[in-house]
Amino acid sequence: MVIKLDNKGFDELLQTSEKPIVVDFTADWCPYCKRLAPIIEEIAVEHANEIEVYYVNTDEQPDIAERYDVMTIPTIYVFQNGETKGSAVNPPTKQALLQLIF
């Protein structure tokens, strides 16, 4: 399951999670985000024991998006141990997203 994130607890989550964290920066109006959302959800379910998956609505949380220089959506960030492990703008396939995460 993909969980919505906001400012409360974002930094704490990055520091305390033992699993890699996948964050989908998205917006309700974005057609590419809507195309990617089912793939993100599928990965979250398939790999629930290995990763944590969240999304940030950039319209509602612009400060988080600015902090990570998110200029285009969807942008996916992968964090591990509080550090950025990788990122991608609009990954074209599920396989590309899995390669970014793992």
N, C-alpha and C. Protein backbone atom coordinates (compact mmCIF):
# COMPACT_ATOMS: atom_id res chain seq x y z
N MET A 1 0.83 -1.18 0.00
CA MET A 1 0.00 0.00 0.00
C MET A 1 0.88 1.25 0.00
N VAL A 2 0.49 2.22 -0.77
CA VAL A 2 1.21 3.49 -0.86
C VAL A 2 0.56 4.46 0.11
N ILE A 3 1.36 5.09 0.94
CA ILE A 3 0.87 5.96 2.01
C ILE A 3 1.22 7.41 1.71
N LYS A 4 0.28 8.30 1.94
CA LYS A 4 0.50 9.73 1.71
C LYS A 4 1.37 10.32 2.81
N LEU A 5 2.35 11.12 2.40
CA LEU A 5 3.25 11.79 3.34
C LEU A 5 3.00 13.28 3.34
N ASP A 6 3.22 13.89 4.49
CA ASP A 6 3.22 15.35 4.57
C ASP A 6 4.43 15.78 5.40
N ASN A 7 4.49 17.05 5.73
CA ASN A 7 5.65 17.58 6.45
C ASN A 7 5.87 16.90 7.80
N LYS A 8 4.79 16.52 8.44
CA LYS A 8 4.91 15.91 9.76
C LYS A 8 5.53 14.52 9.64
N GLY A 9 6.67 14.37 10.20
CA GLY A 9 7.29 13.06 10.24
C GLY A 9 8.11 12.66 9.03
N PHE A 10 8.19 13.50 8.00
CA PHE A 10 8.94 13.13 6.79
C PHE A 10 10.40 12.86 7.12
N ASP A 11 11.05 13.80 7.78
CA ASP A 11 12.47 13.64 8.10
C ASP A 11 12.70 12.49 9.07
N GLU A 12 11.81 12.36 10.05
CA GLU A 12 11.94 11.27 11.02
C GLU A 12 11.82 9.92 10.32
N LEU A 13 10.89 9.81 9.41
CA LEU A 13 10.71 8.57 8.66
C LEU A 13 11.99 8.20 7.92
N LEU A 14 12.60 9.17 7.26
CA LEU A 14 13.82 8.89 6.50
C LEU A 14 14.95 8.41 7.41
N GLN A 15 14.99 8.91 8.62
CA GLN A 15 16.06 8.56 9.54
C GLN A 15 15.83 7.26 10.28
N THR A 16 14.56 6.88 10.48
CA THR A 16 14.29 5.74 11.35
C THR A 16 13.94 4.45 10.63
N SER A 17 13.58 4.52 9.37
CA SER A 17 13.18 3.30 8.66
C SER A 17 14.39 2.43 8.38
N GLU A 18 14.23 1.14 8.62
CA GLU A 18 15.29 0.19 8.32
C GLU A 18 15.22 -0.29 6.88
N LYS A 19 14.08 -0.09 6.25
CA LYS A 19 13.89 -0.52 4.86
C LYS A 19 14.14 0.67 3.93
N PRO A 20 14.48 0.38 2.68
CA PRO A 20 14.52 1.47 1.70
C PRO A 20 13.13 2.11 1.59
N ILE A 21 13.11 3.42 1.38
CA ILE A 21 11.87 4.17 1.27
C ILE A 21 11.77 4.71 -0.15
N VAL A 22 10.65 4.43 -0.79
CA VAL A 22 10.37 4.93 -2.13
C VAL A 22 9.33 6.04 -1.98
N VAL A 23 9.65 7.22 -2.53
CA VAL A 23 8.73 8.35 -2.46
C VAL A 23 8.39 8.79 -3.88
N ASP A 24 7.10 8.78 -4.18
CA ASP A 24 6.58 9.22 -5.46
C ASP A 24 6.09 10.65 -5.30
N PHE A 25 6.78 11.60 -5.94
CA PHE A 25 6.33 12.99 -5.95
C PHE A 25 5.34 13.12 -7.10
N THR A 26 4.11 13.51 -6.78
CA THR A 26 3.02 13.44 -7.74
C THR A 26 2.06 14.62 -7.53
N ALA A 27 1.04 14.69 -8.39
CA ALA A 27 -0.04 15.67 -8.23
C ALA A 27 -1.30 15.07 -8.85
N ASP A 28 -2.45 15.49 -8.34
CA ASP A 28 -3.72 14.94 -8.79
C ASP A 28 -4.00 15.22 -10.27
N TRP A 29 -3.52 16.33 -10.80
CA TRP A 29 -3.82 16.74 -12.17
C TRP A 29 -2.89 16.13 -13.21
N CYS A 30 -1.86 15.42 -12.79
CA CYS A 30 -0.79 14.95 -13.69
C CYS A 30 -1.16 13.62 -14.37
N PRO A 31 -1.31 13.61 -15.70
CA PRO A 31 -1.66 12.36 -16.38
C PRO A 31 -0.55 11.30 -16.31
N TYR A 32 0.70 11.72 -16.32
CA TYR A 32 1.81 10.76 -16.21
C TYR A 32 1.84 10.12 -14.83
N CYS A 33 1.50 10.91 -13.83
CA CYS A 33 1.42 10.39 -12.46
C CYS A 33 0.32 9.35 -12.35
N LYS A 34 -0.80 9.61 -12.99
CA LYS A 34 -1.92 8.67 -12.96
C LYS A 34 -1.56 7.37 -13.67
N ARG A 35 -0.76 7.46 -14.73
CA ARG A 35 -0.30 6.27 -15.44
C ARG A 35 0.64 5.45 -14.57
N LEU A 36 1.48 6.12 -13.80
CA LEU A 36 2.48 5.45 -12.98
C LEU A 36 1.91 4.91 -11.66
N ALA A 37 0.85 5.51 -11.16
CA ALA A 37 0.31 5.15 -9.84
C ALA A 37 0.00 3.66 -9.68
N PRO A 38 -0.65 3.00 -10.64
CA PRO A 38 -0.92 1.57 -10.45
C PRO A 38 0.36 0.72 -10.40
N ILE A 39 1.38 1.14 -11.12
CA ILE A 39 2.66 0.43 -11.09
C ILE A 39 3.31 0.58 -9.72
N ILE A 40 3.28 1.79 -9.18
CA ILE A 40 3.82 2.05 -7.84
C ILE A 40 3.07 1.19 -6.81
N GLU A 41 1.75 1.16 -6.91
CA GLU A 41 0.94 0.37 -5.98
C GLU A 41 1.28 -1.11 -6.09
N GLU A 42 1.44 -1.59 -7.30
CA GLU A 42 1.78 -3.00 -7.53
C GLU A 42 3.12 -3.35 -6.89
N ILE A 43 4.10 -2.49 -7.07
CA ILE A 43 5.42 -2.71 -6.48
C ILE A 43 5.32 -2.67 -4.96
N ALA A 44 4.54 -1.74 -4.42
CA ALA A 44 4.38 -1.63 -2.97
C ALA A 44 3.81 -2.92 -2.39
N VAL A 45 2.84 -3.51 -3.07
CA VAL A 45 2.22 -4.75 -2.58
C VAL A 45 3.18 -5.93 -2.74
N GLU A 46 3.79 -6.05 -3.92
CA GLU A 46 4.68 -7.17 -4.20
C GLU A 46 5.91 -7.21 -3.30
N HIS A 47 6.37 -6.02 -2.90
CA HIS A 47 7.63 -5.93 -2.14
C HIS A 47 7.41 -5.32 -0.75
N ALA A 48 6.23 -5.55 -0.18
CA ALA A 48 5.87 -4.96 1.11
C ALA A 48 6.83 -5.32 2.23
N ASN A 49 7.45 -6.48 2.16
CA ASN A 49 8.39 -6.89 3.20
C ASN A 49 9.78 -6.30 3.02
N GLU A 50 10.04 -5.71 1.86
CA GLU A 50 11.38 -5.22 1.55
C GLU A 50 11.51 -3.70 1.52
N ILE A 51 10.42 -3.00 1.17
CA ILE A 51 10.47 -1.55 1.02
C ILE A 51 9.23 -0.92 1.64
N GLU A 52 9.31 0.40 1.84
CA GLU A 52 8.16 1.20 2.23
C GLU A 52 7.92 2.19 1.10
N VAL A 53 6.66 2.37 0.72
CA VAL A 53 6.33 3.22 -0.42
C VAL A 53 5.36 4.32 0.01
N TYR A 54 5.70 5.55 -0.35
CA TYR A 54 4.91 6.72 0.02
C TYR A 54 4.75 7.62 -1.19
N TYR A 55 3.80 8.55 -1.09
CA TYR A 55 3.71 9.58 -2.11
C TYR A 55 3.57 10.94 -1.45
N VAL A 56 4.05 11.96 -2.16
CA VAL A 56 3.95 13.34 -1.72
C VAL A 56 3.23 14.10 -2.81
N ASN A 57 2.11 14.72 -2.48
CA ASN A 57 1.40 15.57 -3.41
C ASN A 57 2.14 16.91 -3.44
N THR A 58 2.75 17.23 -4.57
CA THR A 58 3.60 18.43 -4.66
C THR A 58 2.80 19.72 -4.56
N ASP A 59 1.51 19.67 -4.88
CA ASP A 59 0.67 20.86 -4.72
C ASP A 59 0.40 21.14 -3.25
N GLU A 60 0.27 20.09 -2.46
CA GLU A 60 -0.03 20.23 -1.04
C GLU A 60 1.23 20.38 -0.19
N GLN A 61 2.36 19.86 -0.66
CA GLN A 61 3.62 19.89 0.10
C GLN A 61 4.76 20.44 -0.77
N PRO A 62 4.63 21.68 -1.23
CA PRO A 62 5.66 22.22 -2.13
C PRO A 62 7.04 22.34 -1.48
N ASP A 63 7.09 22.51 -0.17
CA ASP A 63 8.38 22.66 0.50
C ASP A 63 9.20 21.37 0.45
N ILE A 64 8.55 20.22 0.54
CA ILE A 64 9.28 18.95 0.43
C ILE A 64 9.79 18.79 -1.00
N ALA A 65 8.95 19.11 -1.97
CA ALA A 65 9.36 19.02 -3.38
C ALA A 65 10.53 19.95 -3.66
N GLU A 66 10.49 21.15 -3.13
CA GLU A 66 11.58 22.11 -3.33
C GLU A 66 12.88 21.61 -2.70
N ARG A 67 12.78 21.01 -1.54
CA ARG A 67 13.96 20.52 -0.85
C ARG A 67 14.72 19.50 -1.70
N TYR A 68 13.99 18.72 -2.49
CA TYR A 68 14.62 17.69 -3.33
C TYR A 68 14.67 18.09 -4.80
N ASP A 69 14.50 19.39 -5.07
CA ASP A 69 14.59 19.94 -6.43
C ASP A 69 13.71 19.21 -7.43
N VAL A 70 12.51 18.87 -6.99
CA VAL A 70 11.56 18.21 -7.88
C VAL A 70 10.95 19.29 -8.78
N MET A 71 11.31 19.25 -10.06
CA MET A 71 10.83 20.22 -11.03
C MET A 71 9.82 19.61 -11.99
N THR A 72 9.87 18.29 -12.13
CA THR A 72 8.99 17.56 -13.04
C THR A 72 8.38 16.40 -12.28
N ILE A 73 7.11 16.14 -12.56
CA ILE A 73 6.46 15.00 -11.91
C ILE A 73 5.93 14.07 -12.98
N PRO A 74 5.86 12.80 -12.69
CA PRO A 74 6.25 12.17 -11.44
C PRO A 74 7.77 12.04 -11.32
N THR A 75 8.26 12.27 -10.13
CA THR A 75 9.65 12.02 -9.79
C THR A 75 9.66 11.02 -8.64
N ILE A 76 10.48 10.00 -8.78
CA ILE A 76 10.60 8.97 -7.76
C ILE A 76 11.95 9.11 -7.08
N TYR A 77 11.94 9.13 -5.76
CA TYR A 77 13.18 9.12 -4.98
C TYR A 77 13.23 7.84 -4.16
N VAL A 78 14.42 7.29 -4.03
CA VAL A 78 14.64 6.14 -3.16
C VAL A 78 15.63 6.59 -2.09
N PHE A 79 15.26 6.39 -0.83
CA PHE A 79 16.09 6.75 0.31
C PHE A 79 16.45 5.49 1.08
N GLN A 80 17.66 5.49 1.62
CA GLN A 80 18.06 4.41 2.51
C GLN A 80 18.99 4.98 3.56
N ASN A 81 18.70 4.64 4.81
CA ASN A 81 19.48 5.14 5.95
C ASN A 81 19.57 6.67 5.96
N GLY A 82 18.47 7.33 5.58
CA GLY A 82 18.42 8.78 5.60
C GLY A 82 19.08 9.46 4.43
N GLU A 83 19.66 8.71 3.53
CA GLU A 83 20.37 9.27 2.37
C GLU A 83 19.63 8.94 1.08
N THR A 84 19.79 9.81 0.08
CA THR A 84 19.22 9.55 -1.23
C THR A 84 20.03 8.46 -1.91
N LYS A 85 19.35 7.39 -2.29
CA LYS A 85 19.99 6.27 -2.98
C LYS A 85 19.89 6.45 -4.49
N GLY A 86 18.84 7.12 -4.96
CA GLY A 86 18.66 7.35 -6.38
C GLY A 86 17.35 8.06 -6.65
N SER A 87 17.19 8.52 -7.90
CA SER A 87 15.95 9.18 -8.29
C SER A 87 15.75 9.02 -9.80
N ALA A 88 14.52 9.19 -10.22
CA ALA A 88 14.19 9.12 -11.64
C ALA A 88 12.96 9.96 -11.91
N VAL A 89 12.95 10.59 -13.07
CA VAL A 89 11.79 11.34 -13.51
C VAL A 89 11.00 10.47 -14.48
N ASN A 90 9.73 10.26 -14.17
CA ASN A 90 8.81 9.51 -15.02
C ASN A 90 9.41 8.21 -15.56
N PRO A 91 9.74 7.27 -14.67
CA PRO A 91 10.30 6.01 -15.15
C PRO A 91 9.35 5.36 -16.15
N PRO A 92 9.86 4.87 -17.29
CA PRO A 92 8.99 4.41 -18.37
C PRO A 92 8.32 3.06 -18.15
N THR A 93 8.92 2.21 -17.31
CA THR A 93 8.38 0.87 -17.13
C THR A 93 8.51 0.43 -15.68
N LYS A 94 7.80 -0.63 -15.36
CA LYS A 94 7.92 -1.22 -14.03
C LYS A 94 9.34 -1.71 -13.81
N GLN A 95 9.94 -2.31 -14.83
CA GLN A 95 11.30 -2.81 -14.71
C GLN A 95 12.29 -1.69 -14.41
N ALA A 96 12.12 -0.55 -15.05
CA ALA A 96 13.01 0.60 -14.80
C ALA A 96 12.87 1.07 -13.36
N LEU A 97 11.66 1.05 -12.86
CA LEU A 97 11.43 1.45 -11.47
C LEU A 97 12.04 0.45 -10.50
N LEU A 98 11.88 -0.82 -10.79
CA LEU A 98 12.48 -1.85 -9.93
C LEU A 98 14.01 -1.75 -9.93
N GLN A 99 14.60 -1.44 -11.06
CA GLN A 99 16.06 -1.27 -11.12
C GLN A 99 16.50 -0.08 -10.27
N LEU A 100 15.72 0.97 -10.26
CA LEU A 100 16.04 2.12 -9.42
C LEU A 100 15.97 1.75 -7.94
N ILE A 101 14.97 0.99 -7.56
CA ILE A 101 14.74 0.66 -6.16
C ILE A 101 15.75 -0.37 -5.66
N PHE A 102 16.00 -1.39 -6.46
CA PHE A 102 16.85 -2.49 -6.02
C PHE A 102 18.18 -2.45 -6.73
